[in-house]
Structure formats: C-alpha cells, structure tokens
Amino acid sequence: MPYQFASRTAGLRSSAIRDLLKVTEMPDMLSLAGGLPTPDSFPLPDLRREADRLLGEYGPRVVQYSATDGVIELREWIAATYAPTFGRAIPVEGQIVVTHGSQQALDLLAKVLIDPGDVVVSESPAYLGAVQSLELFQPRFEVIPGDQHGLQVEVLAVRLAAGLRPKLIYVVPNFHNPSGATMSLERRHHLAALADQYELLIVEDDPYGAIRFAGDPLPPVASFSERVVHLSTFSKIVAPGFRVGWMIGPPEVMGWVTRAKQAADLHTSTFAQILLANVLGVPGWLDEQKARIVPMYRERCVALADALDDRLGDRIRFHRPDGGMFLWSEFPGVADTNALLRRAVEEGVAFVPGSAFTIDQQPDSKARFSYSTLAPAQLGVAVDRLTRALDSL
C-alpha cells in the first residue's frame, strides 16, 4: 500500500537551485547558479575567538534551552540597531522573534496567516525560497510585475482598487533575488500607504540590504507603516551556517509566530545567538565587517557585468544592481534558457534559468547569474564558456 501524504504536498516544488548542486559539484564546473555568500567574507578569527571563550565565561547557559523569541542580548542588539532605521522605538519584548534564518520566518508567517485559497501577492520574478515556503499552505498567488525599480506598486494599487484583498504582500526591496532590483523610495512610500489604507500586511524580506556597493541606502518600508513584518538574517553579513535570522513586526502577529515557533523547534540555537550578540556588540565591528566584504561583491559584480558586455554585446540585456549577489539577464534570441543551460553545462558553466523564479515555471528567455562565489578572473572564464554555449545554439 502506498504512503498517504497530505494534499498540500501535491504542489510542493523542488528548488531548481538545489537540484543544480550535483551539476555544480562536477570537476572544473564554474557555477553562477548558487546564491551563497563568498567564504572570503566569513570573519573566522572573530568567530573563533568568541567560540573559544563562550563556554569558559558563560558556562552551561550557552548550551541550555533559551527563550523562544531569542536570547535577550541579541534582541537588544536588533532593537537598538533598527530603531533609528525605523524612526521609532522597537520594544525588546513582543515585537522581535529570532528565527532559524529568514527562511523559517517565512514558514512561521505562512503557518499563522495562510489558509488554503488565501491570496498572496508576489512580484515576478519571485524569490524561489519564499514561493516554496508559502505554496505549501496552498495560497492563491496574485503576481504583480516587477522591474529594475522593484514591485510595480502602481499596478498593485489598481488591483486593490478593483477589489483584490491579499492576506499578505511579499517583497524584497533591496537587491531582489533574482532580479537585483531596488525598490524606489516613491514605491516604498506608496506600498506602505496602501497597507494602511486597505489594512493589509506586508512582509518585507531584506537579507541583502547590507551589501550595498552603489547608490544611497533607502529607508525600509517598515519605516513608513507599522503594518509590516521586516525580516533579515546574519547569513549574508556574518555566515550562513549559524542559521540565525530575525523578524520585527506587529505584536499581534509576533505573538502567534512565537507560539508556532514553540511548536516547531522551541528556540533558535542559544550558542549561535550569544556568539553573534557578542561579536556584533563590539563597537564598530559591523561597520568594519561591511567595509571589508562590500568591496568584494562590488569587484565581482563589475567583473561579471563587464565580461557579459564585452563578450555578448546586444545578445544579452541586463541592468547593473546597486548591491546584493545577483545579476538578472535576458537573452532576446533564446526562447528557453533551460536549453541554454544544458549547452552551458557541457561547456563547464552553470546558471539558473528564469523559469525557476516564476509561479507557473513556464520557459522564458531570462537567467539569473550569481557573482558571489567566483573570483573576478573566474567570472571572465565563466562568461567565455557561456558565450560558447550561446554560439552553439
């Protein structure tokens, strides 16, 4: 007799990026596929120092159970760091929940907010991890197009005026994955105003905001409305293996999220939280870390973009992002970049086809390139291989 699975598993897709891992592990393969931070960015000496002293100075506390919403030192750091950005005080109790990365935050929010058939607004292209988390709870996705200035909020406004009432609106305003887009200040204001007008909830996911290498920082949507759950993570600015992220949101929502987290895992790693709180608590440490890692990403982004311009010219279209890890591209003469990927793998380079970032997963001419893990010289070689693959089509 076959196993009987829940009906909600029927639409659960596999991650195209994870499925590419076997390909990217092939000898001599250059991967533009993964969205991993470069290991060169990991502050290993600082982490080693803190890890060595934690057990001696803190004793059993660092390996004991801790509060579901996070250890107090880390929540205090989050509150103090974000209060100036939000333009308001953030209570340590009731509005902050520390999570296993921002991916768990998405899962917990979906658990407490979404019933089958509820409407979720997402831009297109969409962050694949968010789609995976949300679609398990069987929402109905309403797709709003995005461009290099982020979600087209003016289109959303028309849809809302016509009667659309989503349970939540999911956005990645800074250096969007996969598009690299940054939502304009005007659209941030407009989106927050729509949330207040229609009493909606915005989920603002900001894993890449600290990796800005061009332009001026923009205030988060959460600074314009309190109807926002703001997510972020230490994965990109410290190291992903800790699996520590957080969310800041309305007390009513955070109360239900905390209950759901109790049922899911009791709490996030005590050791990881206290270690991170101690490292981040050193005055000036975070500014020094960003000053060290941001130029790495700037150099790699420029190397990839310049190589694409030089080798491919008008056979590719893209805009240069102001930060983050991704360059979103279009091949005007290619109907299906899955076919291009197959040729590219034969040449020794991998990327993610654009169809992986759409709700319906229909073939298209788009592709996502990540420049985060390859050195500038390797990026040039990767583009040479990509050019040969395109020529062979």
Protein backbone atom coordinates (compact mmCIF):
# COMPACT_ATOMS: atom_id res chain seq x y z
CA MET A 1 0.00 0.00 0.00
CA PRO A 2 1.47 3.40 -0.96
CA TYR A 3 2.11 6.02 1.71
CA GLN A 4 -0.61 8.62 2.08
CA PHE A 5 0.70 12.18 2.05
CA ALA A 6 -1.10 15.42 2.88
CA SER A 7 -2.83 17.05 -0.05
CA ARG A 8 -0.72 20.18 0.38
CA THR A 9 2.38 18.27 -0.79
CA ALA A 10 0.93 17.99 -4.30
CA GLY A 11 2.19 21.41 -5.34
CA LEU A 12 5.45 21.38 -3.38
CA ARG A 13 8.21 22.06 -5.89
CA SER A 14 11.87 21.24 -5.53
CA SER A 15 14.38 24.07 -5.59
CA ALA A 16 15.90 24.36 -9.05
CA ILE A 17 19.00 25.80 -7.39
CA ARG A 18 19.38 22.82 -5.04
CA ASP A 19 18.74 20.47 -7.94
CA LEU A 20 21.71 22.05 -9.71
CA LEU A 21 24.08 21.22 -6.85
CA LYS A 22 25.12 17.90 -8.41
CA VAL A 23 25.97 19.73 -11.59
CA THR A 24 27.91 22.48 -9.83
CA GLU A 25 29.97 19.90 -7.92
CA MET A 26 31.33 18.44 -11.17
CA PRO A 27 35.11 18.86 -11.64
CA ASP A 28 36.08 22.17 -13.27
CA MET A 29 32.47 23.44 -13.25
CA LEU A 30 32.18 27.20 -12.73
CA SER A 31 28.89 27.99 -11.03
CA LEU A 32 26.94 31.19 -11.49
CA ALA A 33 23.94 29.37 -10.02
CA GLY A 34 24.12 29.43 -6.23
CA GLY A 35 23.34 32.47 -4.11
CA LEU A 36 25.93 31.66 -1.47
CA PRO A 37 27.99 34.36 0.23
CA THR A 38 31.67 34.14 -0.58
CA PRO A 39 33.62 32.23 2.11
CA ASP A 40 36.15 35.07 1.91
CA SER A 41 33.57 37.20 3.75
CA PHE A 42 33.37 34.97 6.82
CA PRO A 43 35.05 36.62 9.86
CA LEU A 44 36.58 33.37 11.06
CA PRO A 45 39.16 34.81 13.51
CA ASP A 46 36.48 36.81 15.36
CA LEU A 47 34.09 33.86 15.43
CA ARG A 48 36.84 31.52 16.66
CA ARG A 49 37.78 33.92 19.46
CA GLU A 50 34.21 34.19 20.73
CA ALA A 51 33.51 30.47 20.40
CA ASP A 52 36.64 29.67 22.42
CA ARG A 53 35.67 31.90 25.33
CA LEU A 54 31.90 31.33 25.49
CA LEU A 55 31.94 28.03 27.35
CA GLY A 56 34.51 29.30 29.83
CA GLU A 57 32.86 32.63 30.63
CA TYR A 58 29.16 31.78 30.20
CA GLY A 59 29.21 28.20 31.43
CA PRO A 60 26.14 25.99 30.90
CA ARG A 61 23.93 28.87 29.76
CA VAL A 62 25.25 28.82 26.20
CA VAL A 63 24.23 25.19 25.71
CA GLN A 64 20.94 25.33 27.64
CA TYR A 65 17.42 25.89 26.33
CA SER A 66 16.59 29.57 25.87
CA ALA A 67 13.61 31.83 25.16
CA THR A 68 11.54 31.03 22.08
CA ASP A 69 11.73 34.60 20.79
CA GLY A 70 15.51 34.80 21.21
CA VAL A 71 18.18 35.47 23.81
CA ILE A 72 17.85 38.91 25.35
CA GLU A 73 21.30 40.15 24.28
CA LEU A 74 20.57 39.55 20.60
CA ARG A 75 17.08 41.03 20.75
CA GLU A 76 18.51 44.12 22.44
CA TRP A 77 21.05 44.48 19.63
CA ILE A 78 18.32 44.14 16.99
CA ALA A 79 16.10 46.70 18.74
CA ALA A 80 18.92 49.22 19.15
CA THR A 81 20.17 48.75 15.58
CA TYR A 82 16.79 49.10 13.89
CA ALA A 83 15.18 51.85 15.96
CA PRO A 84 17.00 54.66 14.08
CA THR A 85 16.25 53.00 10.74
CA PHE A 86 12.55 52.57 11.54
CA GLY A 87 12.29 56.01 13.12
CA ARG A 88 10.62 54.64 16.23
CA ALA A 89 11.44 52.68 19.36
CA ILE A 90 11.27 48.90 18.98
CA PRO A 91 10.33 47.07 22.19
CA VAL A 92 12.61 44.16 23.02
CA GLU A 93 9.60 42.18 24.20
CA GLY A 94 6.71 41.36 21.90
CA GLN A 95 7.90 42.64 18.52
CA ILE A 96 11.13 40.70 17.82
CA VAL A 97 11.47 36.97 17.13
CA VAL A 98 14.83 35.34 16.37
CA THR A 99 14.49 32.53 13.83
CA HIS A 100 16.49 29.83 12.02
CA GLY A 101 17.32 32.20 9.19
CA SER A 102 14.69 34.29 7.44
CA GLN A 103 13.53 31.13 5.66
CA GLN A 104 11.98 29.89 8.92
CA ALA A 105 10.40 33.30 9.39
CA LEU A 106 8.55 32.84 6.10
CA ASP A 107 7.41 29.36 7.13
CA LEU A 108 6.12 30.56 10.51
CA LEU A 109 4.29 33.51 9.00
CA ALA A 110 2.64 31.22 6.46
CA LYS A 111 1.57 28.84 9.22
CA VAL A 112 -0.19 31.51 11.25
CA LEU A 113 -1.60 33.60 8.40
CA ILE A 114 -2.47 31.50 5.35
CA ASP A 115 -5.44 29.22 4.82
CA PRO A 116 -5.90 27.29 1.55
CA GLY A 117 -7.13 29.69 -1.11
CA ASP A 118 -5.98 32.86 0.62
CA VAL A 119 -4.47 35.43 -1.71
CA VAL A 120 -0.73 36.17 -1.53
CA VAL A 121 0.78 38.93 -3.64
CA SER A 122 4.25 38.30 -5.04
CA GLU A 123 6.20 40.13 -7.66
CA SER A 124 7.51 38.41 -10.75
CA PRO A 125 10.20 37.21 -10.93
CA ALA A 126 9.82 35.80 -7.43
CA TYR A 127 12.27 34.63 -4.78
CA LEU A 128 12.14 30.86 -5.05
CA GLY A 129 12.62 30.21 -1.31
CA ALA A 130 9.62 32.34 -0.45
CA VAL A 131 7.46 30.63 -3.04
CA GLN A 132 8.43 27.23 -1.61
CA SER A 133 7.58 28.30 1.95
CA LEU A 134 4.28 29.90 1.07
CA GLU A 135 2.91 27.46 -1.51
CA LEU A 136 3.00 24.58 0.98
CA PHE A 137 0.00 26.26 2.65
CA GLN A 138 -1.92 26.38 -0.64
CA PRO A 139 -2.48 30.09 -1.23
CA ARG A 140 -3.60 31.62 -4.48
CA PHE A 141 -0.73 33.69 -5.83
CA GLU A 142 -1.52 37.02 -7.45
CA VAL A 143 1.51 38.10 -9.44
CA ILE A 144 2.39 41.77 -9.81
CA PRO A 145 5.17 42.53 -12.30
CA GLY A 146 8.46 43.96 -11.17
CA ASP A 147 11.11 45.99 -12.97
CA GLN A 148 14.51 47.40 -12.07
CA HIS A 149 12.79 49.69 -9.55
CA GLY A 150 11.06 46.83 -7.74
CA LEU A 151 7.44 45.76 -7.47
CA GLN A 152 5.23 47.92 -9.69
CA VAL A 153 3.19 49.29 -6.81
CA GLU A 154 1.06 51.38 -9.16
CA VAL A 155 -0.21 48.13 -10.74
CA LEU A 156 -0.95 46.73 -7.28
CA ALA A 157 -2.89 49.90 -6.42
CA VAL A 158 -5.16 49.39 -9.43
CA ARG A 159 -5.75 45.76 -8.44
CA LEU A 160 -6.58 46.72 -4.87
CA ALA A 161 -8.99 49.42 -6.03
CA ALA A 162 -10.71 46.75 -8.13
CA GLY A 163 -11.27 44.56 -5.06
CA LEU A 164 -8.13 42.44 -4.60
CA ARG A 165 -7.64 41.68 -0.88
CA PRO A 166 -4.45 39.69 -0.23
CA LYS A 167 -3.64 38.06 3.10
CA LEU A 168 -0.09 39.33 2.72
CA ILE A 169 2.17 41.10 0.24
CA TYR A 170 5.70 39.72 -0.05
CA VAL A 171 8.50 42.00 -1.24
CA VAL A 172 12.31 42.02 -1.33
CA PRO A 173 13.02 45.75 -1.64
CA ASN A 174 16.83 45.72 -1.62
CA PHE A 175 18.78 43.92 -4.38
CA HIS A 176 15.98 41.48 -5.05
CA ASN A 177 16.67 37.81 -5.60
CA PRO A 178 16.72 37.09 -8.54
CA SER A 179 16.28 40.45 -10.28
CA GLY A 180 18.80 42.53 -8.33
CA ALA A 181 16.23 45.36 -8.33
CA THR A 182 15.98 48.03 -5.64
CA MET A 183 12.50 49.34 -4.89
CA SER A 184 12.37 53.09 -5.37
CA LEU A 185 11.66 55.44 -2.47
CA GLU A 186 8.40 56.55 -4.10
CA ARG A 187 7.18 52.96 -4.38
CA ARG A 188 8.12 52.24 -0.76
CA HIS A 189 6.02 55.19 0.38
CA HIS A 190 3.16 54.13 -1.87
CA LEU A 191 3.24 50.49 -0.74
CA ALA A 192 3.16 51.47 2.93
CA ALA A 193 0.25 53.84 2.28
CA LEU A 194 -1.69 51.04 0.55
CA ALA A 195 -1.11 48.75 3.53
CA ASP A 196 -2.55 51.37 5.87
CA GLN A 197 -5.42 52.26 3.55
CA TYR A 198 -6.57 48.67 2.95
CA GLU A 199 -5.41 47.23 6.31
CA LEU A 200 -3.02 44.78 4.68
CA LEU A 201 0.13 43.08 5.94
CA ILE A 202 3.44 43.49 4.13
CA VAL A 203 6.27 41.00 4.58
CA GLU A 204 9.47 42.90 3.82
CA ASP A 205 12.39 40.49 3.34
CA ASP A 206 15.80 42.17 3.50
CA PRO A 207 18.64 39.63 3.50
CA TYR A 208 20.92 41.64 1.19
CA GLY A 209 20.48 45.26 2.33
CA ALA A 210 23.91 45.45 4.00
CA ILE A 211 25.65 44.53 0.71
CA ARG A 212 25.19 47.93 -0.95
CA PHE A 213 28.07 49.00 -3.18
CA ALA A 214 26.40 51.78 -5.21
CA GLY A 215 23.82 54.48 -4.53
CA ASP A 216 22.44 55.70 -1.22
CA PRO A 217 20.65 53.50 1.34
CA LEU A 218 16.86 53.75 1.27
CA PRO A 219 14.60 53.54 4.33
CA PRO A 220 12.72 50.26 4.76
CA VAL A 221 9.01 50.02 4.05
CA ALA A 222 8.63 49.34 7.80
CA SER A 223 9.71 52.93 8.49
CA PHE A 224 6.56 54.20 6.74
CA SER A 225 3.98 51.83 8.23
CA GLU A 226 3.62 49.57 11.25
CA ARG A 227 1.65 47.04 9.16
CA VAL A 228 4.94 45.45 8.10
CA VAL A 229 6.85 42.37 9.23
CA HIS A 230 10.51 43.08 8.50
CA LEU A 231 12.80 40.05 8.02
CA SER A 232 16.57 39.89 7.93
CA THR A 233 19.43 37.49 8.59
CA PHE A 234 23.06 37.17 9.60
CA SER A 235 23.66 34.72 6.76
CA LYS A 236 24.96 37.32 4.31
CA ILE A 237 26.87 39.67 6.63
CA VAL A 238 28.42 37.12 9.04
CA ALA A 239 27.97 33.47 7.99
CA PRO A 240 25.01 31.34 6.85
CA GLY A 241 25.87 28.21 8.84
CA PHE A 242 24.64 29.74 12.10
CA ARG A 243 21.10 29.82 10.64
CA VAL A 244 20.18 32.91 12.65
CA GLY A 245 17.74 35.50 11.36
CA TRP A 246 15.01 37.61 12.86
CA MET A 247 11.73 39.37 12.26
CA ILE A 248 10.28 42.59 13.64
CA GLY A 249 6.53 43.02 13.39
CA PRO A 250 3.22 43.95 15.00
CA PRO A 251 2.76 42.42 18.47
CA GLU A 252 -0.40 40.58 17.43
CA VAL A 253 1.42 38.81 14.60
CA MET A 254 4.60 38.15 16.59
CA GLY A 255 2.55 36.60 19.41
CA TRP A 256 1.13 33.94 17.08
CA VAL A 257 4.53 33.45 15.42
CA THR A 258 6.12 32.78 18.81
CA ARG A 259 3.52 30.11 19.57
CA ALA A 260 4.14 28.50 16.17
CA LYS A 261 7.89 28.54 16.77
CA GLN A 262 7.41 26.85 20.14
CA ALA A 263 5.68 24.02 18.31
CA ALA A 264 8.31 23.90 15.56
CA ASP A 265 11.65 23.97 17.38
CA LEU A 266 11.30 25.54 20.86
CA HIS A 267 14.03 28.11 20.10
CA THR A 268 16.96 29.03 17.87
CA SER A 269 20.45 27.85 18.90
CA THR A 270 21.44 29.50 22.18
CA PHE A 271 25.15 29.14 21.44
CA ALA A 272 24.88 30.74 18.00
CA GLN A 273 22.78 33.63 19.28
CA ILE A 274 25.07 34.54 22.17
CA LEU A 275 28.17 34.19 19.99
CA LEU A 276 26.69 36.54 17.39
CA ALA A 277 25.48 39.01 20.02
CA ASN A 278 29.00 39.20 21.47
CA VAL A 279 30.68 39.65 18.10
CA LEU A 280 28.18 42.29 16.95
CA GLY A 281 28.32 44.01 20.32
CA VAL A 282 31.94 45.08 19.79
CA PRO A 283 31.73 48.82 18.94
CA GLY A 284 32.32 49.39 15.24
CA TRP A 285 32.59 45.70 14.39
CA LEU A 286 29.70 45.58 11.94
CA ASP A 287 30.87 48.70 10.09
CA GLU A 288 34.34 47.17 9.74
CA GLN A 289 32.86 43.88 8.52
CA LYS A 290 30.78 45.63 5.87
CA ALA A 291 33.76 47.74 4.81
CA ARG A 292 35.69 44.50 4.33
CA ILE A 293 33.12 42.47 2.40
CA VAL A 294 31.20 45.01 0.29
CA PRO A 295 34.19 45.76 -1.99
CA MET A 296 34.47 42.01 -2.69
CA TYR A 297 30.95 41.94 -4.10
CA ARG A 298 31.40 45.22 -5.96
CA GLU A 299 34.53 43.92 -7.71
CA ARG A 300 32.86 40.65 -8.68
CA CYS A 301 29.68 42.31 -9.93
CA VAL A 302 31.68 44.68 -12.12
CA ALA A 303 33.82 41.81 -13.44
CA LEU A 304 30.78 39.78 -14.46
CA ALA A 305 28.87 42.70 -15.97
CA ASP A 306 31.90 43.93 -17.91
CA ALA A 307 32.60 40.44 -19.25
CA LEU A 308 28.98 39.99 -20.37
CA ASP A 309 29.02 43.38 -22.11
CA ASP A 310 32.35 42.62 -23.79
CA ARG A 311 31.64 39.07 -24.99
CA LEU A 312 27.91 39.11 -25.66
CA GLY A 313 27.05 42.71 -26.51
CA ASP A 314 23.47 43.07 -27.71
CA ARG A 315 22.82 39.33 -27.39
CA ILE A 316 22.10 39.91 -23.70
CA ARG A 317 20.22 42.56 -21.73
CA PHE A 318 20.64 43.31 -18.03
CA HIS A 319 20.88 46.17 -15.54
CA ARG A 320 23.70 46.53 -13.08
CA PRO A 321 22.48 46.16 -9.49
CA ASP A 322 23.43 48.54 -6.67
CA GLY A 323 24.24 45.66 -4.34
CA GLY A 324 23.48 42.08 -3.40
CA MET A 325 24.65 38.95 -5.18
CA PHE A 326 22.65 38.64 -8.41
CA LEU A 327 22.54 39.86 -11.97
CA TRP A 328 19.26 39.23 -13.82
CA SER A 329 19.53 38.91 -17.57
CA GLU A 330 17.53 38.33 -20.73
CA PHE A 331 18.66 36.64 -23.94
CA PRO A 332 16.46 38.15 -26.69
CA GLY A 333 17.25 35.37 -29.16
CA VAL A 334 16.63 32.46 -26.77
CA ALA A 335 13.12 31.13 -26.20
CA ASP A 336 14.02 28.78 -23.36
CA THR A 337 17.11 29.29 -21.17
CA ASN A 338 16.75 25.71 -19.92
CA ALA A 339 18.08 24.71 -23.35
CA LEU A 340 20.91 27.21 -22.97
CA LEU A 341 21.70 25.76 -19.52
CA ARG A 342 22.13 22.27 -20.99
CA ARG A 343 24.64 23.62 -23.51
CA ALA A 344 26.33 25.71 -20.81
CA VAL A 345 26.83 22.69 -18.53
CA GLU A 346 28.56 20.92 -21.41
CA GLU A 347 30.92 23.90 -21.60
CA GLY A 348 31.54 23.87 -17.83
CA VAL A 349 29.39 26.73 -16.53
CA ALA A 350 26.03 26.72 -14.71
CA PHE A 351 23.33 29.31 -14.02
CA VAL A 352 19.66 29.27 -13.03
CA PRO A 353 17.05 29.59 -15.81
CA GLY A 354 14.47 32.32 -15.34
CA SER A 355 11.56 29.88 -15.29
CA ALA A 356 12.66 28.75 -11.82
CA PHE A 357 11.61 32.15 -10.47
CA THR A 358 8.07 32.21 -11.85
CA ILE A 359 4.94 30.84 -10.23
CA ASP A 360 3.94 28.84 -13.33
CA GLN A 361 7.54 27.82 -14.24
CA GLN A 362 6.98 28.36 -17.95
CA PRO A 363 10.12 28.55 -20.12
CA ASP A 364 11.37 32.05 -20.87
CA SER A 365 14.42 33.96 -22.09
CA LYS A 366 15.63 35.04 -18.62
CA ALA A 367 18.50 33.81 -16.45
CA ARG A 368 19.95 34.57 -13.02
CA PHE A 369 23.69 34.83 -12.55
CA SER A 370 25.30 34.96 -9.12
CA TYR A 371 28.74 36.54 -8.97
CA SER A 372 29.25 35.98 -5.23
CA THR A 373 31.47 32.90 -5.05
CA LEU A 374 33.78 33.21 -8.06
CA ALA A 375 36.88 35.40 -8.24
CA PRO A 376 36.91 38.09 -10.97
CA ALA A 377 39.22 36.07 -13.23
CA GLN A 378 36.97 33.01 -12.88
CA LEU A 379 33.95 35.11 -13.80
CA GLY A 380 35.64 36.05 -17.05
CA VAL A 381 36.27 32.38 -17.84
CA ALA A 382 32.66 31.55 -16.94
CA VAL A 383 31.41 34.14 -19.44
CA ASP A 384 33.72 32.74 -22.13
CA ARG A 385 32.12 29.33 -21.58
CA LEU A 386 28.64 30.84 -21.60
CA THR A 387 29.43 32.57 -24.88
CA ARG A 388 30.44 29.29 -26.48
CA ALA A 389 27.21 27.70 -25.24
CA LEU A 390 25.16 30.54 -26.73
CA ASP A 391 27.07 30.27 -30.01
CA SER A 392 26.25 26.56 -30.17
CA LEU A 393 22.53 27.27 -30.03
